[in-house]
N, C-alpha and C. Protein backbone atom coordinates (compact mmCIF):
# COMPACT_ATOMS: atom_id res chain seq x y z
N VAL A 1 133.26 94.86 72.39
CA VAL A 1 132.06 94.95 73.20
C VAL A 1 132.48 94.77 74.66
N SER A 2 131.96 95.64 75.50
CA SER A 2 132.34 95.58 76.91
C SER A 2 131.63 94.43 77.61
N GLN A 3 132.22 94.02 78.71
CA GLN A 3 131.67 92.90 79.47
C GLN A 3 130.37 93.30 80.17
N SER A 4 130.19 94.58 80.49
CA SER A 4 128.99 95.02 81.21
C SER A 4 127.73 94.86 80.38
N ARG A 5 127.84 94.79 79.03
CA ARG A 5 126.67 94.58 78.20
C ARG A 5 126.12 93.17 78.37
N TYR A 6 126.99 92.22 78.63
CA TYR A 6 126.56 90.84 78.75
C TYR A 6 126.21 90.45 80.19
N SER A 7 126.61 91.26 81.16
CA SER A 7 126.35 90.92 82.56
C SER A 7 124.87 90.80 82.89
N PRO A 8 124.02 91.77 82.50
CA PRO A 8 122.60 91.62 82.84
C PRO A 8 121.96 90.39 82.20
N SER A 9 122.35 90.08 80.95
CA SER A 9 121.74 88.91 80.32
C SER A 9 122.23 87.62 80.97
N LEU A 10 123.48 87.57 81.41
CA LEU A 10 124.00 86.40 82.09
C LEU A 10 123.31 86.23 83.45
N ILE A 11 123.11 87.33 84.16
CA ILE A 11 122.42 87.28 85.45
C ILE A 11 120.97 86.84 85.24
N SER A 12 120.30 87.39 84.24
CA SER A 12 118.91 87.01 83.97
C SER A 12 118.79 85.54 83.62
N LEU A 13 119.72 85.05 82.80
CA LEU A 13 119.70 83.64 82.42
C LEU A 13 119.91 82.73 83.63
N SER A 14 120.81 83.12 84.50
CA SER A 14 121.06 82.28 85.68
C SER A 14 119.86 82.30 86.64
N LEU A 15 119.20 83.46 86.77
CA LEU A 15 118.02 83.53 87.64
C LEU A 15 116.86 82.71 87.07
N LEU A 16 116.69 82.74 85.76
CA LEU A 16 115.61 81.97 85.15
C LEU A 16 115.85 80.48 85.25
N SER A 17 117.10 80.07 85.24
CA SER A 17 117.39 78.63 85.31
C SER A 17 117.28 78.08 86.73
N THR A 18 117.30 78.93 87.74
CA THR A 18 117.22 78.41 89.10
C THR A 18 115.83 77.90 89.45
N GLY A 19 114.80 78.40 88.81
CA GLY A 19 113.44 77.93 89.10
C GLY A 19 113.26 76.46 88.83
N PRO A 20 113.44 76.00 87.57
CA PRO A 20 113.30 74.56 87.29
C PRO A 20 114.35 73.71 88.02
N LEU A 21 115.57 74.24 88.15
CA LEU A 21 116.61 73.49 88.84
C LEU A 21 116.25 73.31 90.31
N GLY A 22 115.73 74.37 90.93
CA GLY A 22 115.33 74.29 92.33
C GLY A 22 114.21 73.29 92.54
N LEU A 23 113.25 73.23 91.62
CA LEU A 23 112.17 72.26 91.72
C LEU A 23 112.69 70.83 91.58
N LYS A 24 113.65 70.65 90.68
CA LYS A 24 114.22 69.31 90.48
C LYS A 24 114.97 68.85 91.73
N VAL A 25 115.73 69.76 92.33
CA VAL A 25 116.47 69.43 93.55
C VAL A 25 115.50 69.12 94.68
N THR A 26 114.47 69.94 94.84
CA THR A 26 113.47 69.73 95.89
C THR A 26 112.77 68.38 95.72
N ASP A 27 112.37 68.07 94.49
CA ASP A 27 111.70 66.80 94.24
C ASP A 27 112.59 65.61 94.57
N SER A 28 113.87 65.69 94.20
CA SER A 28 114.76 64.56 94.48
C SER A 28 115.01 64.39 95.99
N VAL A 29 115.12 65.49 96.72
CA VAL A 29 115.30 65.41 98.17
C VAL A 29 114.06 64.81 98.83
N LEU A 30 112.88 65.22 98.40
CA LEU A 30 111.64 64.67 98.97
C LEU A 30 111.49 63.19 98.68
N LYS A 31 111.87 62.78 97.48
CA LYS A 31 111.77 61.35 97.14
C LYS A 31 112.75 60.52 97.94
N LYS A 32 113.98 61.00 98.10
CA LYS A 32 114.99 60.24 98.83
C LYS A 32 114.67 60.16 100.32
N SER A 33 114.04 61.20 100.86
CA SER A 33 113.71 61.19 102.28
C SER A 33 112.34 60.56 102.56
N ASN A 34 111.67 60.14 101.50
CA ASN A 34 110.36 59.49 101.61
C ASN A 34 109.36 60.39 102.36
N SER A 35 109.37 61.66 102.00
CA SER A 35 108.44 62.61 102.61
C SER A 35 107.74 63.40 101.52
N SER A 36 106.78 64.19 101.92
CA SER A 36 106.04 64.99 100.95
C SER A 36 105.85 66.40 101.51
N TYR A 37 105.50 67.29 100.61
CA TYR A 37 105.27 68.67 101.00
C TYR A 37 104.06 69.18 100.23
N MET A 38 103.16 69.80 100.98
CA MET A 38 101.99 70.36 100.34
C MET A 38 101.70 71.71 100.97
N GLU A 39 101.46 72.68 100.14
CA GLU A 39 101.14 74.00 100.64
C GLU A 39 99.68 74.31 100.32
N VAL A 40 98.91 74.58 101.34
CA VAL A 40 97.50 74.91 101.17
C VAL A 40 97.38 76.42 101.20
N ARG A 41 96.87 76.97 100.12
CA ARG A 41 96.72 78.42 100.01
C ARG A 41 95.29 78.78 99.69
N GLN A 42 94.96 80.00 99.98
CA GLN A 42 93.64 80.50 99.62
C GLN A 42 93.62 80.91 98.16
N THR A 43 92.43 80.99 97.61
CA THR A 43 92.26 81.48 96.25
C THR A 43 91.99 82.98 96.30
N TRP A 44 92.07 83.60 95.13
CA TRP A 44 91.75 85.03 95.06
C TRP A 44 90.31 85.29 95.49
N GLN A 45 89.40 84.41 95.07
CA GLN A 45 88.00 84.61 95.40
C GLN A 45 87.76 84.54 96.90
N ASN A 46 88.42 83.61 97.59
CA ASN A 46 88.27 83.53 99.05
C ASN A 46 88.79 84.80 99.72
N THR A 47 89.92 85.31 99.28
CA THR A 47 90.48 86.53 99.86
C THR A 47 89.57 87.72 99.57
N ILE A 48 89.03 87.78 98.37
CA ILE A 48 88.11 88.88 98.03
C ILE A 48 86.84 88.79 98.88
N ASP A 49 86.36 87.58 99.15
CA ASP A 49 85.18 87.42 100.02
C ASP A 49 85.46 87.94 101.43
N VAL A 50 86.66 87.65 101.94
CA VAL A 50 87.03 88.14 103.27
C VAL A 50 87.16 89.66 103.26
N ILE A 51 87.73 90.22 102.20
CA ILE A 51 87.85 91.68 102.09
C ILE A 51 86.48 92.32 102.07
N LYS A 52 85.56 91.76 101.28
CA LYS A 52 84.19 92.30 101.22
C LYS A 52 83.51 92.23 102.59
N GLY A 53 83.70 91.13 103.29
CA GLY A 53 83.09 90.99 104.61
C GLY A 53 83.65 91.98 105.61
N THR A 54 84.95 92.19 105.60
CA THR A 54 85.53 93.15 106.56
C THR A 54 85.15 94.57 106.20
N TYR A 55 85.03 94.88 104.91
CA TYR A 55 84.61 96.23 104.52
C TYR A 55 83.15 96.47 104.90
N ALA A 56 82.34 95.42 104.88
CA ALA A 56 80.93 95.58 105.26
C ALA A 56 80.79 95.82 106.76
N SER A 57 81.62 95.15 107.58
CA SER A 57 81.47 95.28 109.03
C SER A 57 82.24 96.47 109.61
N SER A 58 83.45 96.70 109.17
CA SER A 58 84.22 97.86 109.64
C SER A 58 85.02 98.42 108.48
N PRO A 59 84.38 99.29 107.70
CA PRO A 59 84.96 99.71 106.43
C PRO A 59 86.24 100.56 106.53
N PHE A 60 86.35 101.43 107.51
CA PHE A 60 87.47 102.37 107.50
C PHE A 60 88.76 101.80 108.06
N LEU A 61 88.69 101.05 109.15
CA LEU A 61 89.91 100.55 109.79
C LEU A 61 90.05 99.03 109.70
N GLY A 62 89.09 98.33 109.14
CA GLY A 62 89.18 96.88 108.99
C GLY A 62 89.10 96.16 110.33
N VAL A 63 89.57 94.93 110.35
CA VAL A 63 89.52 94.14 111.58
C VAL A 63 90.75 94.35 112.44
N GLY A 64 91.76 94.99 111.92
CA GLY A 64 92.98 95.26 112.67
C GLY A 64 94.15 94.44 112.17
N PRO A 65 95.35 94.94 112.38
CA PRO A 65 96.55 94.23 111.91
C PRO A 65 96.67 92.85 112.56
N ALA A 66 97.15 91.90 111.79
CA ALA A 66 97.38 90.52 112.25
C ALA A 66 96.11 89.84 112.73
N ARG A 67 94.96 90.24 112.21
CA ARG A 67 93.69 89.63 112.60
C ARG A 67 93.00 88.97 111.40
N TYR A 68 93.78 88.61 110.40
CA TYR A 68 93.18 87.99 109.22
C TYR A 68 92.54 86.65 109.56
N SER A 69 93.14 85.89 110.46
CA SER A 69 92.58 84.57 110.79
C SER A 69 91.18 84.69 111.39
N SER A 70 90.96 85.72 112.22
CA SER A 70 89.62 85.90 112.76
C SER A 70 88.64 86.37 111.69
N ALA A 71 89.12 87.19 110.76
CA ALA A 71 88.26 87.60 109.65
C ALA A 71 87.95 86.41 108.75
N TRP A 72 88.93 85.52 108.57
CA TRP A 72 88.70 84.32 107.76
C TRP A 72 87.64 83.44 108.40
N GLU A 73 87.73 83.25 109.69
CA GLU A 73 86.74 82.41 110.38
C GLU A 73 85.34 82.99 110.26
N GLN A 74 85.25 84.30 110.26
CA GLN A 74 83.94 84.95 110.22
C GLN A 74 83.37 85.04 108.80
N TYR A 75 84.21 85.27 107.80
CA TYR A 75 83.72 85.58 106.45
C TYR A 75 84.08 84.54 105.39
N LYS A 76 84.59 83.39 105.78
CA LYS A 76 84.93 82.38 104.78
C LYS A 76 83.66 81.87 104.10
N PRO A 77 83.76 81.46 102.85
CA PRO A 77 82.58 80.96 102.13
C PRO A 77 82.04 79.69 102.79
N ASP A 78 80.74 79.53 102.78
CA ASP A 78 80.11 78.36 103.41
C ASP A 78 80.55 77.05 102.75
N ALA A 79 80.80 77.10 101.45
CA ALA A 79 81.21 75.89 100.73
C ALA A 79 82.55 75.36 101.23
N PHE A 80 83.36 76.22 101.83
CA PHE A 80 84.66 75.81 102.34
C PHE A 80 84.53 74.84 103.50
N ASN A 81 83.40 74.87 104.20
CA ASN A 81 83.18 73.96 105.33
C ASN A 81 83.04 72.50 104.91
N TYR A 82 82.83 72.24 103.62
CA TYR A 82 82.67 70.88 103.13
C TYR A 82 83.97 70.30 102.57
N LEU A 83 85.03 71.08 102.61
CA LEU A 83 86.32 70.61 102.12
C LEU A 83 87.12 69.98 103.25
N GLN A 84 88.19 69.28 102.90
CA GLN A 84 88.99 68.62 103.92
C GLN A 84 89.78 69.62 104.77
N TYR A 85 89.86 70.85 104.34
CA TYR A 85 90.58 71.89 105.09
C TYR A 85 89.63 72.82 105.82
N TRP A 86 88.47 72.32 106.18
CA TRP A 86 87.44 73.15 106.78
C TRP A 86 87.89 73.80 108.08
N ASN A 87 88.80 73.17 108.82
CA ASN A 87 89.21 73.68 110.12
C ASN A 87 90.57 74.38 110.06
N THR A 88 91.07 74.65 108.87
CA THR A 88 92.36 75.31 108.72
C THR A 88 92.20 76.80 108.98
N SER A 89 93.04 77.32 109.83
CA SER A 89 93.03 78.75 110.12
C SER A 89 94.12 79.41 109.29
N PHE A 90 93.72 80.24 108.36
CA PHE A 90 94.67 80.92 107.50
C PHE A 90 95.10 82.24 108.14
N LEU A 91 96.39 82.43 108.25
CA LEU A 91 96.92 83.68 108.82
C LEU A 91 97.02 84.77 107.77
N LEU A 92 97.10 84.38 106.50
CA LEU A 92 97.23 85.34 105.41
C LEU A 92 96.30 84.95 104.28
N GLY A 93 95.96 85.92 103.45
CA GLY A 93 95.15 85.65 102.27
C GLY A 93 96.02 85.11 101.15
N VAL A 94 95.61 85.35 99.94
CA VAL A 94 96.33 84.83 98.78
C VAL A 94 97.70 85.48 98.65
N GLY A 95 97.85 86.69 99.14
CA GLY A 95 99.11 87.40 99.11
C GLY A 95 99.24 88.31 100.31
N LEU A 96 100.44 88.83 100.52
CA LEU A 96 100.67 89.68 101.69
C LEU A 96 99.91 91.00 101.58
N ILE A 97 99.99 91.64 100.44
CA ILE A 97 99.33 92.95 100.27
C ILE A 97 97.80 92.81 100.30
N PRO A 98 97.18 91.83 99.62
CA PRO A 98 95.73 91.66 99.78
C PRO A 98 95.31 91.36 101.22
N THR A 99 96.18 90.72 101.99
CA THR A 99 95.88 90.49 103.41
C THR A 99 95.77 91.82 104.14
N PHE A 100 96.67 92.74 103.83
CA PHE A 100 96.59 94.07 104.43
C PHE A 100 95.33 94.80 103.99
N PHE A 101 94.88 94.58 102.76
CA PHE A 101 93.63 95.19 102.32
C PHE A 101 92.48 94.75 103.21
N ALA A 102 92.48 93.49 103.61
CA ALA A 102 91.40 92.96 104.45
C ALA A 102 91.53 93.43 105.89
N THR A 103 92.74 93.47 106.42
CA THR A 103 92.90 93.76 107.85
C THR A 103 92.95 95.24 108.16
N LEU A 104 93.34 96.08 107.21
CA LEU A 104 93.49 97.50 107.50
C LEU A 104 92.36 98.37 106.96
N GLY A 105 91.38 97.80 106.29
CA GLY A 105 90.22 98.55 105.83
C GLY A 105 90.52 99.48 104.68
N LEU A 106 89.58 100.39 104.43
CA LEU A 106 89.73 101.31 103.30
C LEU A 106 90.90 102.27 103.51
N LEU A 107 91.12 102.71 104.72
CA LEU A 107 92.22 103.62 104.99
C LEU A 107 93.57 102.97 104.69
N GLY A 108 93.76 101.76 105.16
CA GLY A 108 94.99 101.03 104.87
C GLY A 108 95.13 100.69 103.39
N THR A 109 94.01 100.38 102.74
CA THR A 109 94.03 100.08 101.31
C THR A 109 94.47 101.30 100.51
N LEU A 110 93.96 102.46 100.87
CA LEU A 110 94.37 103.70 100.18
C LEU A 110 95.86 103.97 100.37
N VAL A 111 96.36 103.73 101.57
CA VAL A 111 97.80 103.93 101.82
C VAL A 111 98.62 102.94 100.99
N TRP A 112 98.19 101.69 100.93
CA TRP A 112 98.90 100.70 100.14
C TRP A 112 98.84 101.03 98.65
N LEU A 113 97.69 101.49 98.15
CA LEU A 113 97.58 101.86 96.74
C LEU A 113 98.48 103.05 96.42
N ALA A 114 98.57 104.01 97.35
CA ALA A 114 99.49 105.14 97.15
C ALA A 114 100.94 104.66 97.12
N PHE A 115 101.28 103.73 98.01
CA PHE A 115 102.63 103.17 98.04
C PHE A 115 102.94 102.42 96.75
N LEU A 116 101.99 101.60 96.27
CA LEU A 116 102.20 100.86 95.03
C LEU A 116 102.34 101.81 93.84
N TYR A 117 101.55 102.86 93.83
CA TYR A 117 101.69 103.87 92.78
C TYR A 117 103.08 104.50 92.83
N PHE A 118 103.55 104.80 94.02
CA PHE A 118 104.88 105.37 94.17
C PHE A 118 105.96 104.41 93.66
N VAL A 119 105.86 103.15 94.02
CA VAL A 119 106.87 102.17 93.60
C VAL A 119 106.91 102.06 92.08
N PHE A 120 105.75 101.90 91.45
CA PHE A 120 105.73 101.72 90.00
C PHE A 120 106.08 103.01 89.25
N SER A 121 105.64 104.16 89.74
CA SER A 121 106.01 105.41 89.05
C SER A 121 107.49 105.73 89.24
N ALA A 122 108.04 105.47 90.42
CA ALA A 122 109.47 105.67 90.62
C ALA A 122 110.27 104.69 89.78
N GLY A 123 109.76 103.48 89.64
CA GLY A 123 110.44 102.50 88.80
C GLY A 123 110.48 102.91 87.35
N ILE A 124 109.37 103.40 86.84
CA ILE A 124 109.32 103.86 85.44
C ILE A 124 110.22 105.07 85.26
N LYS A 125 110.18 105.99 86.22
CA LYS A 125 111.04 107.18 86.14
C LYS A 125 112.52 106.79 86.17
N ASN A 126 112.87 105.83 87.02
CA ASN A 126 114.26 105.38 87.09
C ASN A 126 114.72 104.73 85.79
N LEU A 127 113.84 103.96 85.16
CA LEU A 127 114.23 103.26 83.94
C LEU A 127 114.51 104.22 82.78
N PHE A 128 113.80 105.34 82.73
CA PHE A 128 113.95 106.24 81.60
C PHE A 128 114.85 107.44 81.87
N ASN A 129 115.28 107.63 83.10
CA ASN A 129 116.09 108.81 83.43
C ASN A 129 117.51 108.48 83.85
N VAL A 130 118.03 107.35 83.45
CA VAL A 130 119.40 106.99 83.81
C VAL A 130 120.34 107.64 82.80
N LYS A 131 121.20 108.52 83.32
CA LYS A 131 122.14 109.21 82.44
C LYS A 131 123.57 108.72 82.64
N ASP A 132 123.88 108.27 83.82
CA ASP A 132 125.22 107.80 84.14
C ASP A 132 125.35 106.33 83.78
N GLN A 133 126.25 106.02 82.84
CA GLN A 133 126.41 104.65 82.36
C GLN A 133 126.88 103.70 83.46
N GLU A 134 127.74 104.16 84.35
CA GLU A 134 128.24 103.31 85.43
C GLU A 134 127.16 102.99 86.44
N LYS A 135 126.25 103.91 86.63
CA LYS A 135 125.18 103.75 87.62
C LYS A 135 123.97 103.00 87.05
N SER A 136 123.91 102.84 85.74
CA SER A 136 122.70 102.29 85.11
C SER A 136 122.42 100.86 85.53
N PHE A 137 123.45 100.04 85.72
CA PHE A 137 123.21 98.65 86.12
C PHE A 137 122.61 98.57 87.52
N ILE A 138 123.08 99.39 88.44
CA ILE A 138 122.55 99.39 89.80
C ILE A 138 121.11 99.88 89.80
N VAL A 139 120.85 100.96 89.04
CA VAL A 139 119.50 101.50 88.97
C VAL A 139 118.54 100.49 88.34
N LEU A 140 118.98 99.87 87.26
CA LEU A 140 118.14 98.88 86.59
C LEU A 140 117.87 97.68 87.49
N SER A 141 118.90 97.18 88.15
CA SER A 141 118.75 96.02 89.04
C SER A 141 117.83 96.35 90.22
N ALA A 142 118.03 97.51 90.84
CA ALA A 142 117.20 97.88 91.98
C ALA A 142 115.75 98.08 91.57
N THR A 143 115.52 98.68 90.42
CA THR A 143 114.16 98.93 89.96
C THR A 143 113.45 97.64 89.60
N ILE A 144 114.10 96.80 88.84
CA ILE A 144 113.48 95.52 88.45
C ILE A 144 113.26 94.65 89.69
N GLY A 145 114.24 94.62 90.58
CA GLY A 145 114.11 93.82 91.80
C GLY A 145 112.97 94.30 92.68
N SER A 146 112.85 95.60 92.86
CA SER A 146 111.79 96.11 93.74
C SER A 146 110.40 95.93 93.12
N VAL A 147 110.27 96.16 91.82
CA VAL A 147 108.98 95.96 91.17
C VAL A 147 108.60 94.48 91.17
N TYR A 148 109.56 93.61 90.89
CA TYR A 148 109.31 92.17 90.90
C TYR A 148 108.88 91.70 92.28
N LEU A 149 109.59 92.12 93.32
CA LEU A 149 109.25 91.68 94.67
C LEU A 149 107.95 92.30 95.16
N THR A 150 107.60 93.48 94.66
CA THR A 150 106.29 94.05 94.98
C THR A 150 105.18 93.19 94.39
N ILE A 151 105.37 92.74 93.17
CA ILE A 151 104.38 91.86 92.54
C ILE A 151 104.30 90.54 93.29
N ILE A 152 105.44 90.00 93.70
CA ILE A 152 105.47 88.75 94.47
C ILE A 152 104.68 88.92 95.77
N ASN A 153 104.85 90.05 96.45
CA ASN A 153 104.12 90.30 97.69
C ASN A 153 102.63 90.47 97.45
N PHE A 154 102.25 90.81 96.24
CA PHE A 154 100.84 90.95 95.92
C PHE A 154 100.18 89.59 95.65
N VAL A 155 100.92 88.67 95.06
CA VAL A 155 100.31 87.40 94.66
C VAL A 155 100.73 86.23 95.55
N TYR A 156 101.60 86.46 96.53
CA TYR A 156 102.09 85.39 97.37
C TYR A 156 102.44 85.97 98.74
N ALA A 157 102.49 85.11 99.73
CA ALA A 157 102.90 85.53 101.07
C ALA A 157 104.32 85.02 101.30
N PRO A 158 105.32 85.84 101.02
CA PRO A 158 106.71 85.37 101.09
C PRO A 158 107.23 85.27 102.51
N SER A 159 108.43 84.69 102.62
CA SER A 159 109.08 84.56 103.93
C SER A 159 109.71 85.90 104.32
N ILE A 160 110.24 85.93 105.52
CA ILE A 160 110.87 87.15 106.03
C ILE A 160 112.12 87.52 105.22
N VAL A 161 112.81 86.52 104.69
CA VAL A 161 114.00 86.79 103.89
C VAL A 161 113.62 87.56 102.62
N ILE A 162 112.56 87.15 101.97
CA ILE A 162 112.10 87.84 100.76
C ILE A 162 111.61 89.24 101.11
N ALA A 163 110.97 89.40 102.26
CA ALA A 163 110.53 90.73 102.68
C ALA A 163 111.72 91.65 102.93
N ILE A 164 112.78 91.14 103.53
CA ILE A 164 113.99 91.95 103.75
C ILE A 164 114.62 92.32 102.42
N LEU A 165 114.69 91.37 101.49
CA LEU A 165 115.22 91.69 100.15
C LEU A 165 114.38 92.76 99.47
N TRP A 166 113.06 92.67 99.65
CA TRP A 166 112.16 93.66 99.06
C TRP A 166 112.50 95.05 99.60
N PHE A 167 112.69 95.17 100.91
CA PHE A 167 113.01 96.47 101.49
C PHE A 167 114.39 96.96 101.04
N ILE A 168 115.33 96.06 100.88
CA ILE A 168 116.66 96.46 100.40
C ILE A 168 116.55 97.01 98.97
N PHE A 169 115.86 96.28 98.10
CA PHE A 169 115.69 96.75 96.73
C PHE A 169 114.91 98.06 96.67
N LEU A 170 113.88 98.19 97.50
CA LEU A 170 113.13 99.46 97.52
C LEU A 170 114.03 100.61 97.96
N GLY A 171 114.88 100.36 98.98
CA GLY A 171 115.79 101.40 99.43
C GLY A 171 116.79 101.79 98.35
N LEU A 172 117.32 100.81 97.63
CA LEU A 172 118.24 101.11 96.54
C LEU A 172 117.54 101.88 95.43
N MET A 173 116.31 101.49 95.13
CA MET A 173 115.58 102.18 94.07
C MET A 173 115.29 103.63 94.46
N ILE A 174 114.87 103.84 95.70
CA ILE A 174 114.55 105.20 96.14
C ILE A 174 115.82 106.05 96.22
N ALA A 175 116.94 105.44 96.62
CA ALA A 175 118.19 106.18 96.73
C ALA A 175 118.69 106.67 95.39
N ASN A 176 118.30 106.00 94.32
CA ASN A 176 118.74 106.44 92.99
C ASN A 176 117.81 107.50 92.51
């Protein structure tokens, strides 16, 4: 049996183990430094409320790029004013892509949906049309990486490093 058959499973196993290990390391560092970390995020419902509000006021072009915080201030749910985070200005919604849905309006949403369709259809096509055995690992890695990072960008607002990795994986996937 060749070593390349076991490489993807070894890589997958190591990636899956870094999640719990990373949390354990983070927890121990926070305890030793006597500090804490809390991330306040919006819920899907809050982001959907902001999207509905921006579509009602300016449906085609939205409120404009990088203007989610002003849309949040205008369309946040009234019940949010009674929470301890009532004065928090959110720059992004629940995820990066839903934030673009709110700020870019229906036109931007259609462009993003077309892009997402392209990513997932190209990913499926890449997975089933690999004929070169030597190239299959690169194609599989690029496809899984780009689809995974696309999903991450939909449900979370990642850092710039993750965004750069996303573009690298998308470029590798498209190049195949």
